[in-house]
């Protein structure tokens, strides 16, 4: 999920110049502003259809990491993102009444039962499969807990507890996870692991999960600058965080704060959300990366981060009633919808959401990652819930 070296970027550019068809796709121009408002169902159905395609193309029961536009190649399954796509599919099934989506979600949960490491954790998609990663494990826990809630199948709860037991056993005494990290860097995005542990505590009542979650939330909140920006928020030490990772961190703090009724964590998330609200571009987008003091360090936009911020702003609108959050969310979700490929020349990207806009931007350059589609669906479903004041049950993750 990191930026590519400059030499590789130039190689990609040369590849584009050799392929007229790729040039047309690579320009990836914004679609027109919808005259009658955002057609949520149209975009939602297309994104879910693409997630189904990514599942088929993985060929092993999970969801492919995504599609590489330049290489015309699908990646292997990504257990982490397959995991937190399960609640997304269950929510879509609830909203649409589609039983096939429920069956699809349960098949993914079963696939993940067979994808754990000996410790009970989950490995990174590109590894050998035997070294568990903290963040990946936490995100798969969301999937198992949602599958348990929807089915009552105890296998999913037992798998989540085994993963939670491993996470608590390897946590640093100060609250972060220093070991079992992708690229070896401790990160504040693990607030999303804390949130998963909070959900596991809610299901089991075991205080060990609650205490581990609070330790991490305290550590992460301590990494926030006065203006809302977070230290240790990038995938690499000293790097500028993507909007995606900033949103990950705020999501974990906000949702955990709501579960705990702890205003400090909610306020921490809101401070970050307000900082990005003030920096939203007129077209609804956000910069792909921000350095310290909110210095914009990317000309492209990270579409996944836009989707996550749209959903978070909607959650803040629900809890505060502040109309500015709803307006910002609607703008950013509409922006992402305008980038969605609905009539592409390449059928592999119909309904997909790219890593960046433009597609050659810094985040997941020239790729269509599955989690971009997942968070787009989440944002659309949340927007529909808010607009229609829906009281349907919602699975989290």
Protein backbone atom coordinates (compact mmCIF):
# COMPACT_ATOMS: atom_id res chain seq x y z
CA UNK A 1 0.00 0.00 0.00
CA UNK A 2 3.02 2.25 -0.18
CA UNK A 3 4.11 4.68 -2.90
CA UNK A 4 6.14 3.22 -5.78
CA UNK A 5 9.74 4.32 -6.47
CA UNK A 6 10.18 7.03 -9.11
CA UNK A 7 11.90 4.63 -11.52
CA UNK A 8 8.88 2.34 -11.41
CA UNK A 9 6.53 5.28 -12.00
CA UNK A 10 8.47 6.21 -15.13
CA UNK A 11 8.28 2.61 -16.30
CA UNK A 12 4.51 2.67 -15.81
CA UNK A 13 4.27 5.92 -17.77
CA UNK A 14 6.22 4.44 -20.67
CA UNK A 15 3.85 1.49 -20.62
CA UNK A 16 0.89 3.83 -20.94
CA UNK A 17 2.42 5.52 -23.95
CA UNK A 18 2.68 2.18 -25.70
CA UNK A 19 -0.99 1.35 -25.16
CA UNK A 20 -3.69 3.66 -26.58
CA UNK A 21 -6.40 1.72 -24.75
CA UNK A 22 -4.55 2.11 -21.45
CA UNK A 23 -4.26 5.84 -22.08
CA UNK A 24 -8.03 6.14 -22.37
CA UNK A 25 -8.55 4.20 -19.15
CA UNK A 26 -5.63 5.85 -17.40
CA UNK A 27 -6.97 9.37 -17.87
CA UNK A 28 -9.89 8.28 -15.68
CA UNK A 29 -11.77 11.54 -16.01
CA UNK A 30 -14.43 12.57 -13.53
CA UNK A 31 -17.96 11.77 -14.55
CA UNK A 32 -20.54 14.56 -14.71
CA UNK A 33 -22.17 15.95 -11.60
CA UNK A 34 -25.47 14.10 -11.12
CA UNK A 35 -28.32 16.39 -12.12
CA UNK A 36 -30.87 14.67 -9.87
CA UNK A 37 -28.59 13.87 -6.98
CA UNK A 38 -26.38 10.85 -6.37
CA UNK A 39 -27.93 7.65 -7.73
CA UNK A 40 -26.87 5.55 -4.75
CA UNK A 41 -28.30 2.19 -5.85
CA UNK A 42 -26.69 2.41 -9.29
CA UNK A 43 -23.22 2.95 -7.83
CA UNK A 44 -23.78 0.50 -4.98
CA UNK A 45 -24.82 -2.37 -7.25
CA UNK A 46 -21.84 -1.79 -9.53
CA UNK A 47 -19.37 -1.79 -6.61
CA UNK A 48 -20.81 -4.98 -5.13
CA UNK A 49 -20.74 -6.67 -8.52
CA UNK A 50 -17.05 -5.79 -8.78
CA UNK A 51 -16.38 -7.23 -5.30
CA UNK A 52 -18.05 -10.43 -6.47
CA UNK A 53 -15.79 -10.43 -9.53
CA UNK A 54 -12.72 -9.93 -7.32
CA UNK A 55 -13.84 -12.98 -5.35
CA UNK A 56 -14.19 -15.10 -8.49
CA UNK A 57 -10.82 -13.95 -9.81
CA UNK A 58 -9.04 -14.87 -6.58
CA UNK A 59 -9.88 -18.55 -7.27
CA UNK A 60 -9.20 -19.60 -3.65
CA UNK A 61 -12.30 -18.48 -1.76
CA UNK A 62 -11.19 -15.03 -0.63
CA UNK A 63 -11.35 -11.64 -2.31
CA UNK A 64 -8.48 -10.68 -4.60
CA UNK A 65 -6.39 -7.78 -3.36
CA UNK A 66 -7.42 -6.10 -6.57
CA UNK A 67 -6.74 -5.51 -10.23
CA UNK A 68 -3.54 -4.11 -11.72
CA UNK A 69 -4.57 -2.05 -14.73
CA UNK A 70 -1.16 -1.94 -16.40
CA UNK A 71 -0.27 -5.58 -15.97
CA UNK A 72 -3.87 -6.69 -16.67
CA UNK A 73 -3.54 -9.00 -13.68
CA UNK A 74 -5.50 -9.87 -10.56
CA UNK A 75 -3.63 -10.28 -7.27
CA UNK A 76 -4.07 -13.17 -4.82
CA UNK A 77 -6.63 -12.96 -2.03
CA UNK A 78 -6.08 -10.47 0.77
CA UNK A 79 -7.28 -12.01 4.07
CA UNK A 80 -7.27 -8.71 6.00
CA UNK A 81 -9.53 -6.85 3.62
CA UNK A 82 -11.62 -9.94 2.92
CA UNK A 83 -12.31 -9.95 6.66
CA UNK A 84 -13.66 -6.46 7.03
CA UNK A 85 -15.63 -6.75 3.80
CA UNK A 86 -17.87 -9.34 5.49
CA UNK A 87 -19.82 -6.78 7.59
CA UNK A 88 -20.07 -4.58 4.49
CA UNK A 89 -21.72 -7.40 2.52
CA UNK A 90 -24.04 -8.28 5.40
CA UNK A 91 -25.12 -4.65 5.64
CA UNK A 92 -25.74 -4.56 1.90
CA UNK A 93 -27.73 -7.79 2.20
CA UNK A 94 -29.86 -6.28 4.97
CA UNK A 95 -30.50 -3.13 2.95
CA UNK A 96 -31.38 -5.00 -0.25
CA UNK A 97 -32.90 -8.21 1.11
CA UNK A 98 -30.46 -10.20 -1.05
CA UNK A 99 -29.91 -13.62 0.54
CA UNK A 100 -27.10 -14.41 -1.89
CA UNK A 101 -24.99 -11.65 -0.34
CA UNK A 102 -25.42 -13.27 3.09
CA UNK A 103 -24.27 -16.62 1.70
CA UNK A 104 -21.34 -14.89 0.04
CA UNK A 105 -20.36 -13.26 3.36
CA UNK A 106 -20.49 -16.58 5.21
CA UNK A 107 -18.35 -18.26 2.52
CA UNK A 108 -15.70 -15.59 3.11
CA UNK A 109 -15.84 -16.17 6.87
CA UNK A 110 -15.31 -19.90 6.25
CA UNK A 111 -12.38 -19.19 3.95
CA UNK A 112 -10.78 -17.12 6.72
CA UNK A 113 -11.23 -19.92 9.26
CA UNK A 114 -8.79 -21.89 7.12
CA UNK A 115 -6.39 -18.98 6.65
CA UNK A 116 -5.12 -18.46 10.20
CA UNK A 117 -1.57 -18.90 11.42
CA UNK A 118 -0.73 -21.40 14.19
CA UNK A 119 -0.99 -18.52 16.70
CA UNK A 120 -4.56 -17.75 15.67
CA UNK A 121 -3.62 -14.59 13.81
CA UNK A 122 -3.77 -13.62 10.14
CA UNK A 123 -0.80 -13.12 7.82
CA UNK A 124 -0.25 -10.36 5.27
CA UNK A 125 -1.41 -11.24 1.76
CA UNK A 126 2.10 -11.10 0.26
CA UNK A 127 3.82 -13.17 2.97
CA UNK A 128 4.40 -16.90 3.23
CA UNK A 129 1.34 -17.20 5.45
CA UNK A 130 2.96 -18.21 8.73
CA UNK A 131 3.81 -14.80 10.24
CA UNK A 132 0.74 -13.09 11.75
CA UNK A 133 0.22 -9.33 11.47
CA UNK A 134 -1.57 -7.37 14.19
CA UNK A 135 -3.62 -5.06 11.98
CA UNK A 136 -4.67 -7.80 9.56
CA UNK A 137 -5.79 -9.97 12.46
CA UNK A 138 -7.94 -7.24 13.98
CA UNK A 139 -9.73 -6.56 10.69
CA UNK A 140 -10.54 -10.23 10.17
CA UNK A 141 -12.03 -10.29 13.68
CA UNK A 142 -14.67 -7.83 12.48
CA UNK A 143 -15.65 -10.33 9.80
CA UNK A 144 -15.92 -13.27 12.15
CA UNK A 145 -17.93 -11.31 14.72
CA UNK A 146 -20.32 -10.07 12.05
CA UNK A 147 -20.70 -13.61 10.68
CA UNK A 148 -21.39 -14.89 14.21
CA UNK A 149 -24.01 -12.20 14.81
CA UNK A 150 -25.72 -12.99 11.52
CA UNK A 151 -25.58 -16.78 11.77
CA UNK A 152 -25.10 -17.77 15.41
CA UNK A 153 -22.32 -20.14 14.30
CA UNK A 154 -19.97 -20.50 17.28
CA UNK A 155 -17.01 -21.34 15.05
CA UNK A 156 -16.71 -17.68 14.12
CA UNK A 157 -16.79 -16.47 17.72
CA UNK A 158 -14.18 -19.05 18.76
CA UNK A 159 -11.89 -17.93 15.92
CA UNK A 160 -12.30 -14.29 16.95
CA UNK A 161 -11.49 -15.13 20.57
CA UNK A 162 -8.40 -17.09 19.56
CA UNK A 163 -7.25 -14.10 17.52
CA UNK A 164 -8.04 -11.74 20.39
CA UNK A 165 -6.08 -13.89 22.82
CA UNK A 166 -3.06 -13.72 20.55
CA UNK A 167 -3.36 -9.95 20.13
CA UNK A 168 -3.48 -9.35 23.87
CA UNK A 169 -0.51 -11.66 24.43
CA UNK A 170 1.81 -9.73 22.10
CA UNK A 171 0.83 -6.15 23.00
CA UNK A 172 3.56 -3.84 24.29
CA UNK A 173 3.17 -2.69 27.89
CA UNK A 174 2.76 0.93 26.72
CA UNK A 175 -0.25 0.01 24.62
CA UNK A 176 1.05 -0.15 21.06
CA UNK A 177 1.97 -3.26 19.12
CA UNK A 178 5.65 -3.02 18.26
CA UNK A 179 6.03 -6.58 17.03
CA UNK A 180 4.14 -8.40 14.29
CA UNK A 181 3.80 -5.22 12.26
CA UNK A 182 3.71 -4.95 8.48
CA UNK A 183 7.05 -3.36 7.48
CA UNK A 184 8.11 -3.46 11.15
CA UNK A 185 6.63 -0.07 12.09
CA UNK A 186 4.28 0.54 15.04
CA UNK A 187 1.24 2.51 13.90
CA UNK A 188 -1.66 4.44 15.37
CA UNK A 189 -3.96 2.80 12.80
CA UNK A 190 -4.09 -0.05 15.31
CA UNK A 191 -6.90 1.88 17.01
CA UNK A 192 -8.92 -0.18 14.53
CA UNK A 193 -7.55 -3.29 16.25
CA UNK A 194 -8.56 -1.77 19.59
CA UNK A 195 -12.06 -1.24 18.18
CA UNK A 196 -12.19 -4.91 17.15
CA UNK A 197 -11.14 -5.91 20.67
CA UNK A 198 -13.86 -3.66 22.05
CA UNK A 199 -16.39 -5.53 19.91
CA UNK A 200 -14.97 -8.85 21.10
CA UNK A 201 -15.37 -7.68 24.71
CA UNK A 202 -18.98 -6.73 23.95
CA UNK A 203 -19.59 -10.28 22.71
CA UNK A 204 -17.76 -12.14 25.48
CA UNK A 205 -17.57 -9.88 28.52
CA UNK A 206 -13.88 -10.78 28.94
CA UNK A 207 -12.12 -7.79 30.45
CA UNK A 208 -8.72 -8.74 29.02
CA UNK A 209 -9.93 -7.53 25.62
CA UNK A 210 -11.29 -4.29 27.04
CA UNK A 211 -8.07 -3.49 28.92
CA UNK A 212 -5.90 -4.15 25.88
CA UNK A 213 -8.12 -1.91 23.76
CA UNK A 214 -7.98 0.96 26.24
CA UNK A 215 -4.19 0.71 26.55
CA UNK A 216 -3.88 1.09 22.80
CA UNK A 217 -6.37 3.95 22.58
CA UNK A 218 -4.49 5.82 25.31
CA UNK A 219 -1.20 5.34 23.48
CA UNK A 220 -2.66 6.43 20.14
CA UNK A 221 -4.38 9.50 21.57
CA UNK A 222 -1.01 10.50 22.99
CA UNK A 223 0.46 10.56 19.47
CA UNK A 224 -1.90 13.31 18.31
CA UNK A 225 -0.65 16.85 17.77
CA UNK A 226 -2.68 19.80 19.02
CA UNK A 227 -3.96 20.45 15.48
CA UNK A 228 -5.30 16.89 15.10
CA UNK A 229 -2.51 15.33 13.00
CA UNK A 230 -1.08 11.99 14.18
CA UNK A 231 2.47 10.83 14.63
CA UNK A 232 3.24 7.19 13.71
CA UNK A 233 0.40 7.21 11.17
CA UNK A 234 2.31 6.27 8.01
CA UNK A 235 3.20 2.84 6.67
CA UNK A 236 6.90 3.73 6.86
CA UNK A 237 8.81 5.49 9.61
CA UNK A 238 8.88 9.24 9.05
CA UNK A 239 6.56 9.10 6.03
CA UNK A 240 3.58 11.37 5.47
CA UNK A 241 0.35 9.55 6.28
CA UNK A 242 -2.24 8.88 3.63
CA UNK A 243 -5.74 10.16 4.23
CA UNK A 244 -6.56 6.44 4.40
CA UNK A 245 -4.39 5.87 7.49
CA UNK A 246 -5.47 9.11 9.17
CA UNK A 247 -9.07 7.97 8.71
CA UNK A 248 -8.28 4.47 10.00
CA UNK A 249 -6.95 6.03 13.20
CA UNK A 250 -9.90 8.35 13.69
CA UNK A 251 -12.40 5.55 12.96
CA UNK A 252 -10.93 3.39 15.70
CA UNK A 253 -10.92 6.22 18.24
CA UNK A 254 -14.43 7.39 17.39
CA UNK A 255 -16.15 4.00 17.39
CA UNK A 256 -14.30 2.84 20.52
CA UNK A 257 -15.14 6.12 22.23
CA UNK A 258 -18.81 5.60 21.42
CA UNK A 259 -18.73 2.05 22.82
CA UNK A 260 -16.96 3.22 25.98
CA UNK A 261 -18.93 6.47 26.27
CA UNK A 262 -15.50 8.11 26.52
CA UNK A 263 -15.60 11.66 25.18
CA UNK A 264 -11.79 12.01 24.98
CA UNK A 265 -11.51 9.43 22.22
CA UNK A 266 -14.49 10.82 20.32
CA UNK A 267 -13.05 14.33 20.64
CA UNK A 268 -9.69 13.10 19.34
CA UNK A 269 -11.37 11.69 16.24
CA UNK A 270 -13.43 14.81 15.80
CA UNK A 271 -10.34 17.04 16.00
CA UNK A 272 -8.82 15.14 13.08
CA UNK A 273 -12.11 15.08 11.15
CA UNK A 274 -12.52 18.84 11.60
CA UNK A 275 -9.00 19.46 10.33
CA UNK A 276 -9.77 17.58 7.12
CA UNK A 277 -13.17 19.24 6.86
CA UNK A 278 -11.38 22.58 6.71
CA UNK A 279 -9.12 21.26 3.93
CA UNK A 280 -11.72 19.66 1.67
CA UNK A 281 -11.34 20.77 -1.93
CA UNK A 282 -14.26 22.43 -3.78
CA UNK A 283 -14.88 19.21 -5.77
CA UNK A 284 -15.26 17.25 -2.51
CA UNK A 285 -11.87 15.54 -2.57
CA UNK A 286 -9.06 15.48 -0.05
CA UNK A 287 -5.32 15.38 -0.68
CA UNK A 288 -3.76 11.95 -0.73
CA UNK A 289 -1.18 12.71 1.99
CA UNK A 290 -0.64 15.31 4.68
CA UNK A 291 2.59 16.07 6.48
CA UNK A 292 2.91 17.54 9.96
CA UNK A 293 0.94 20.76 10.51
CA UNK A 294 -1.41 19.48 7.78
CA UNK A 295 0.96 20.37 4.99
CA UNK A 296 -0.51 18.89 1.79
CA UNK A 297 2.14 16.66 0.23
CA UNK A 298 0.29 15.02 -2.65
CA UNK A 299 -1.50 16.40 -5.69
CA UNK A 300 -3.57 13.25 -6.11
CA UNK A 301 -6.40 12.06 -3.90
CA UNK A 302 -6.59 8.74 -2.03
CA UNK A 303 -10.10 7.53 -2.87
CA UNK A 304 -10.27 5.04 0.00
CA UNK A 305 -9.53 7.85 2.46
CA UNK A 306 -12.27 9.97 0.92
CA UNK A 307 -14.79 7.15 1.42
CA UNK A 308 -13.72 6.61 5.02
CA UNK A 309 -13.92 10.29 5.83
CA UNK A 310 -17.34 10.46 4.22
CA UNK A 311 -18.60 7.75 6.53
CA UNK A 312 -16.92 9.28 9.59
CA UNK A 313 -18.39 12.70 8.85
CA UNK A 314 -21.82 11.04 8.60
CA UNK A 315 -21.29 9.38 11.98
CA UNK A 316 -20.34 12.75 13.44
CA UNK A 317 -23.43 14.29 11.87
CA UNK A 318 -25.53 11.62 13.58
CA UNK A 319 -24.01 12.29 16.99
CA UNK A 320 -23.76 16.08 16.83
CA UNK A 321 -26.46 17.14 14.38
CA UNK A 322 -23.92 19.43 12.69
CA UNK A 323 -25.02 19.96 9.10
CA UNK A 324 -21.49 20.76 7.89
CA UNK A 325 -20.53 17.12 8.44
CA UNK A 326 -23.40 15.90 6.28
CA UNK A 327 -22.59 18.39 3.54
CA UNK A 328 -18.91 17.41 3.50
CA UNK A 329 -19.77 13.71 3.44
CA UNK A 330 -22.20 14.12 0.56
CA UNK A 331 -19.60 16.05 -1.43
CA UNK A 332 -16.78 13.57 -0.94
CA UNK A 333 -18.98 10.51 -1.64
CA UNK A 334 -20.28 12.16 -4.81
CA UNK A 335 -16.69 12.91 -5.84
CA UNK A 336 -15.71 9.25 -5.47
CA UNK A 337 -18.85 8.13 -7.31
CA UNK A 338 -17.83 10.34 -10.24
CA UNK A 339 -14.53 8.41 -10.46
CA UNK A 340 -16.21 4.98 -10.51
CA UNK A 341 -15.70 3.06 -13.74
CA UNK A 342 -19.20 2.25 -15.02
CA UNK A 343 -18.56 1.91 -18.77
CA UNK A 344 -14.85 1.08 -19.10
CA UNK A 345 -13.18 -0.59 -22.03
CA UNK A 346 -11.74 -3.14 -19.58
CA UNK A 347 -14.51 -5.23 -17.93
CA UNK A 348 -12.17 -6.04 -15.03
CA UNK A 349 -12.66 -2.54 -13.62
CA UNK A 350 -16.40 -2.01 -14.12
CA UNK A 351 -17.77 -0.84 -10.76
CA UNK A 352 -14.29 -0.64 -9.22
CA UNK A 353 -12.79 2.28 -7.31
CA UNK A 354 -9.17 3.12 -8.05
CA UNK A 355 -6.52 3.63 -5.41
CA UNK A 356 -6.05 7.25 -6.45
CA UNK A 357 -7.60 9.98 -8.51
CA UNK A 358 -6.08 10.46 -10.99
CA UNK A 359 -5.46 6.73 -11.33
CA UNK A 360 -1.71 7.36 -11.67
CA UNK A 361 -1.64 9.07 -8.26
CA UNK A 362 0.57 8.05 -5.39
CA UNK A 363 -1.70 5.63 -3.52
CA UNK A 364 -2.07 2.15 -5.12
CA UNK A 365 -0.90 3.62 -8.42
CA UNK A 366 -2.75 2.19 -11.48
CA UNK A 367 -4.54 -0.31 -9.25
CA UNK A 368 -8.10 -1.00 -8.13
CA UNK A 369 -7.85 -2.34 -4.56
CA UNK A 370 -10.74 -4.27 -3.06
CA UNK A 371 -10.85 -2.13 0.08
CA UNK A 372 -11.56 1.00 -1.97
CA UNK A 373 -14.77 -0.65 -3.18
CA UNK A 374 -15.54 -1.87 0.36
CA UNK A 375 -15.28 1.59 1.90
CA UNK A 376 -17.23 3.10 -1.00
CA UNK A 377 -20.08 0.68 -0.29
CA UNK A 378 -19.86 1.52 3.42
CA UNK A 379 -20.11 5.23 2.65
CA UNK A 380 -23.06 4.79 0.28
CA UNK A 381 -24.94 2.61 2.78
CA UNK A 382 -24.29 5.08 5.60
CA UNK A 383 -25.44 7.99 3.44
CA UNK A 384 -28.63 6.11 2.62
CA UNK A 385 -29.21 5.31 6.32
CA UNK A 386 -28.83 8.95 7.31
CA UNK A 387 -30.93 10.34 4.46
CA UNK A 388 -33.75 7.84 5.07
CA UNK A 389 -33.34 7.73 8.87
CA UNK A 390 -33.06 3.98 8.67
CA UNK A 391 -33.18 1.93 11.85
CA UNK A 392 -31.98 -1.29 10.23
CA UNK A 393 -29.36 -3.20 12.27
CA UNK A 394 -25.79 -2.60 11.18
CA UNK A 395 -22.73 -4.84 11.35
CA UNK A 396 -19.52 -3.00 12.18
CA UNK A 397 -16.09 -3.06 10.61
